[in-house]
Amino acid sequence: MMQLDERIMEYIDREGWVSPRLLARERGFPETEGVIRDRCKRLRYTGFIEPFHGEMYDITIEGQLYLDGEIDARHQPFPKASAVFGRWDFPPGWTPGPVRFRI
C-alpha cells in the first residue's frame, strides 16, 4: 500500500464515489489522472474499492475495515501487473524496451 492508496480510500470514504479524473482535479492530489487510475485498478484488485459505473469507484466493506485498522493490507492479494492491467496493457507512463530475438 502506498500513501496515495490510503488518500484515495479516505477521500472516497469521506465524499462518496469518485473517478480518477475527479481526484486528479482535486486539491491535495498532485498525481496525474493516469497514476490515480493505476492505483484505483490496484485497489480494485485487492478488494478495497469497487467500480459501480464506468470508472466511478466506491469503497467496499474491506476498504472501510482497512481504514479503521481492522484489516492488514499484507493479507490482501498482491496485484500483479498482468492481472490488473490485462495481458497486453501497460501501466501509464511505461514503455516497453526493445525486444531482441536470437535464432
C-alpha atoms as a PDB file:
ATOM      1  CA  MET A   1       0.000   0.000   0.000  1.00  0.00           C
ATOM      2  CA  MET A   2       1.163   3.464  -0.854  1.00  0.00           C
ATOM      3  CA  GLN A   3       0.203   6.698   0.865  1.00  0.00           C
ATOM      4  CA  LEU A   4      -1.725   7.627  -2.292  1.00  0.00           C
ATOM      5  CA  ASP A   5      -3.837   4.464  -1.918  1.00  0.00           C
ATOM      6  CA  GLU A   6      -4.868   5.469   1.584  1.00  0.00           C
ATOM      7  CA  ARG A   7      -5.632   9.035   0.481  1.00  0.00           C
ATOM      8  CA  ILE A   8      -7.829   7.712  -2.339  1.00  0.00           C
ATOM      9  CA  MET A   9      -9.750   5.450   0.040  1.00  0.00           C
ATOM     10  CA  GLU A  10     -10.082   8.195   2.676  1.00  0.00           C
ATOM     11  CA  TYR A  11     -11.454  10.582   0.048  1.00  0.00           C
ATOM     12  CA  ILE A  12     -13.991   8.026  -1.171  1.00  0.00           C
ATOM     13  CA  ASP A  13     -14.995   7.199   2.409  1.00  0.00           C
ATOM     14  CA  ARG A  14     -15.466  10.890   3.222  1.00  0.00           C
ATOM     15  CA  GLU A  15     -17.015  12.187  -0.032  1.00  0.00           C
ATOM     16  CA  GLY A  16     -18.609   9.114  -1.603  1.00  0.00           C
ATOM     17  CA  TRP A  17     -17.955   7.767  -5.102  1.00  0.00           C
ATOM     18  CA  VAL A  18     -15.147   9.219  -7.206  1.00  0.00           C
ATOM     19  CA  SER A  19     -13.462   8.844 -10.581  1.00  0.00           C
ATOM     20  CA  PRO A  20      -9.711   9.140 -11.278  1.00  0.00           C
ATOM     21  CA  ARG A  21     -10.395  12.280 -13.335  1.00  0.00           C
ATOM     22  CA  LEU A  22     -12.192  13.946 -10.427  1.00  0.00           C
ATOM     23  CA  LEU A  23      -9.408  13.046  -7.998  1.00  0.00           C
ATOM     24  CA  ALA A  24      -6.726  14.417 -10.339  1.00  0.00           C
ATOM     25  CA  ARG A  25      -8.522  17.774 -10.306  1.00  0.00           C
ATOM     26  CA  GLU A  26      -8.973  17.766  -6.540  1.00  0.00           C
ATOM     27  CA  ARG A  27      -6.686  19.867  -4.348  1.00  0.00           C
ATOM     28  CA  GLY A  28      -4.303  17.652  -2.396  1.00  0.00           C
ATOM     29  CA  PHE A  29      -3.825  15.159  -5.238  1.00  0.00           C
ATOM     30  CA  PRO A  30      -0.809  16.333  -7.273  1.00  0.00           C
ATOM     31  CA  GLU A  31      -0.614  12.993  -9.102  1.00  0.00           C
ATOM     32  CA  THR A  32      -1.738  12.694 -12.704  1.00  0.00           C
ATOM     33  CA  GLU A  33      -5.009  11.099 -13.722  1.00  0.00           C
ATOM     34  CA  GLY A  34      -3.113   8.112 -15.156  1.00  0.00           C
ATOM     35  CA  VAL A  35      -1.285   7.427 -11.884  1.00  0.00           C
ATOM     36  CA  ILE A  36      -4.524   7.689  -9.920  1.00  0.00           C
ATOM     37  CA  ARG A  37      -6.273   5.375 -12.407  1.00  0.00           C
ATOM     38  CA  ASP A  38      -3.432   2.855 -11.957  1.00  0.00           C
ATOM     39  CA  ARG A  39      -3.767   2.953  -8.169  1.00  0.00           C
ATOM     40  CA  CYS A  40      -7.568   2.590  -8.407  1.00  0.00           C
ATOM     41  CA  LYS A  41      -7.146  -0.536 -10.542  1.00  0.00           C
ATOM     42  CA  ARG A  42      -4.777  -1.976  -7.958  1.00  0.00           C
ATOM     43  CA  LEU A  43      -7.117  -1.096  -5.090  1.00  0.00           C
ATOM     44  CA  ARG A  44      -9.936  -2.763  -7.001  1.00  0.00           C
ATOM     45  CA  TYR A  45      -7.847  -5.921  -7.382  1.00  0.00           C
ATOM     46  CA  THR A  46      -7.205  -6.043  -3.626  1.00  0.00           C
ATOM     47  CA  GLY A  47     -10.920  -5.575  -2.951  1.00  0.00           C
ATOM     48  CA  PHE A  48     -10.721  -2.206  -1.175  1.00  0.00           C
ATOM     49  CA  ILE A  49     -12.697  -0.248  -3.776  1.00  0.00           C
ATOM     50  CA  GLU A  50     -15.178  -1.321  -6.419  1.00  0.00           C
ATOM     51  CA  PRO A  51     -16.425   0.271  -9.639  1.00  0.00           C
ATOM     52  CA  PHE A  52     -20.148   0.816  -9.833  1.00  0.00           C
ATOM     53  CA  HIS A  53     -20.364   2.657 -13.161  1.00  0.00           C
ATOM     54  CA  GLY A  54     -17.538   3.004 -15.666  1.00  0.00           C
ATOM     55  CA  GLU A  55     -14.574   4.477 -13.814  1.00  0.00           C
ATOM     56  CA  MET A  56     -16.548   5.636 -10.786  1.00  0.00           C
ATOM     57  CA  TYR A  57     -15.421   3.855  -7.649  1.00  0.00           C
ATOM     58  CA  ASP A  58     -16.901   3.365  -4.210  1.00  0.00           C
ATOM     59  CA  ILE A  59     -15.243   1.933  -1.115  1.00  0.00           C
ATOM     60  CA  THR A  60     -16.007  -1.647  -0.082  1.00  0.00           C
ATOM     61  CA  ILE A  61     -16.534  -3.050   3.388  1.00  0.00           C
ATOM     62  CA  GLU A  62     -12.961  -4.371   3.272  1.00  0.00           C
ATOM     63  CA  GLY A  63     -11.721  -0.882   2.399  1.00  0.00           C
ATOM     64  CA  GLN A  64     -13.596   0.611   5.339  1.00  0.00           C
ATOM     65  CA  LEU A  65     -12.212  -2.065   7.642  1.00  0.00           C
ATOM     66  CA  TYR A  66      -8.692  -1.279   6.395  1.00  0.00           C
ATOM     67  CA  LEU A  67      -9.161   2.426   7.136  1.00  0.00           C
ATOM     68  CA  ASP A  68     -10.435   1.507  10.618  1.00  0.00           C
ATOM     69  CA  GLY A  69      -7.269  -0.541  11.204  1.00  0.00           C
ATOM     70  CA  GLU A  70      -9.085  -3.871  11.354  1.00  0.00           C
ATOM     71  CA  ILE A  71      -7.552  -5.364   8.177  1.00  0.00           C
ATOM     72  CA  ASP A  72      -3.860  -5.597   7.374  1.00  0.00           C
ATOM     73  CA  ALA A  73      -3.075  -4.945   3.700  1.00  0.00           C
ATOM     74  CA  ARG A  74      -0.336  -7.593   3.829  1.00  0.00           C
ATOM     75  CA  HIS A  75      -3.063 -10.245   3.986  1.00  0.00           C
ATOM     76  CA  GLN A  76      -4.837  -8.991   0.853  1.00  0.00           C
ATOM     77  CA  PRO A  77      -3.972 -10.312  -2.626  1.00  0.00           C
ATOM     78  CA  PHE A  78      -0.891  -8.628  -4.070  1.00  0.00           C
ATOM     79  CA  PRO A  79      -1.781  -7.324  -7.515  1.00  0.00           C
ATOM     80  CA  LYS A  80       0.400  -8.401 -10.411  1.00  0.00           C
ATOM     81  CA  ALA A  81       0.586  -6.008 -13.347  1.00  0.00           C
ATOM     82  CA  SER A  82      -0.750  -8.622 -15.770  1.00  0.00           C
ATOM     83  CA  ALA A  83      -3.821  -9.201 -13.596  1.00  0.00           C
ATOM     84  CA  VAL A  84      -4.508  -5.517 -13.001  1.00  0.00           C
ATOM     85  CA  PHE A  85      -3.871  -4.137 -16.467  1.00  0.00           C
ATOM     86  CA  GLY A  86      -4.781  -7.098 -18.627  1.00  0.00           C
ATOM     87  CA  ARG A  87      -2.379  -9.276 -20.515  1.00  0.00           C
ATOM     88  CA  TRP A  88      -1.210  -6.710 -23.076  1.00  0.00           C
ATOM     89  CA  ASP A  89      -1.844  -3.413 -21.298  1.00  0.00           C
ATOM     90  CA  PHE A  90       0.955  -1.433 -19.720  1.00  0.00           C
ATOM     91  CA  PRO A  91       0.845   0.948 -16.739  1.00  0.00           C
ATOM     92  CA  PRO A  92       0.628   4.673 -17.559  1.00  0.00           C
ATOM     93  CA  GLY A  93       3.992   6.168 -18.491  1.00  0.00           C
ATOM     94  CA  TRP A  94       5.603   2.777 -19.026  1.00  0.00           C
ATOM     95  CA  THR A  95       7.132   1.967 -22.383  1.00  0.00           C
ATOM     96  CA  PRO A  96       8.426  -1.470 -23.285  1.00  0.00           C
ATOM     97  CA  GLY A  97      12.089  -1.745 -24.188  1.00  0.00           C
ATOM     98  CA  PRO A  98      13.438  -3.169 -27.412  1.00  0.00           C
ATOM     99  CA  VAL A  99      12.890  -6.867 -27.959  1.00  0.00           C
ATOM    100  CA  ARG A 100      15.686  -8.943 -29.420  1.00  0.00           C
ATOM    101  CA  PHE A 101      15.290 -12.440 -30.721  1.00  0.00           C
ATOM    102  CA  ARG A 102      18.074 -14.894 -31.391  1.00  0.00           C
ATOM    103  CA  ILE A 103      17.767 -17.794 -33.748  1.00  0.00           C
END
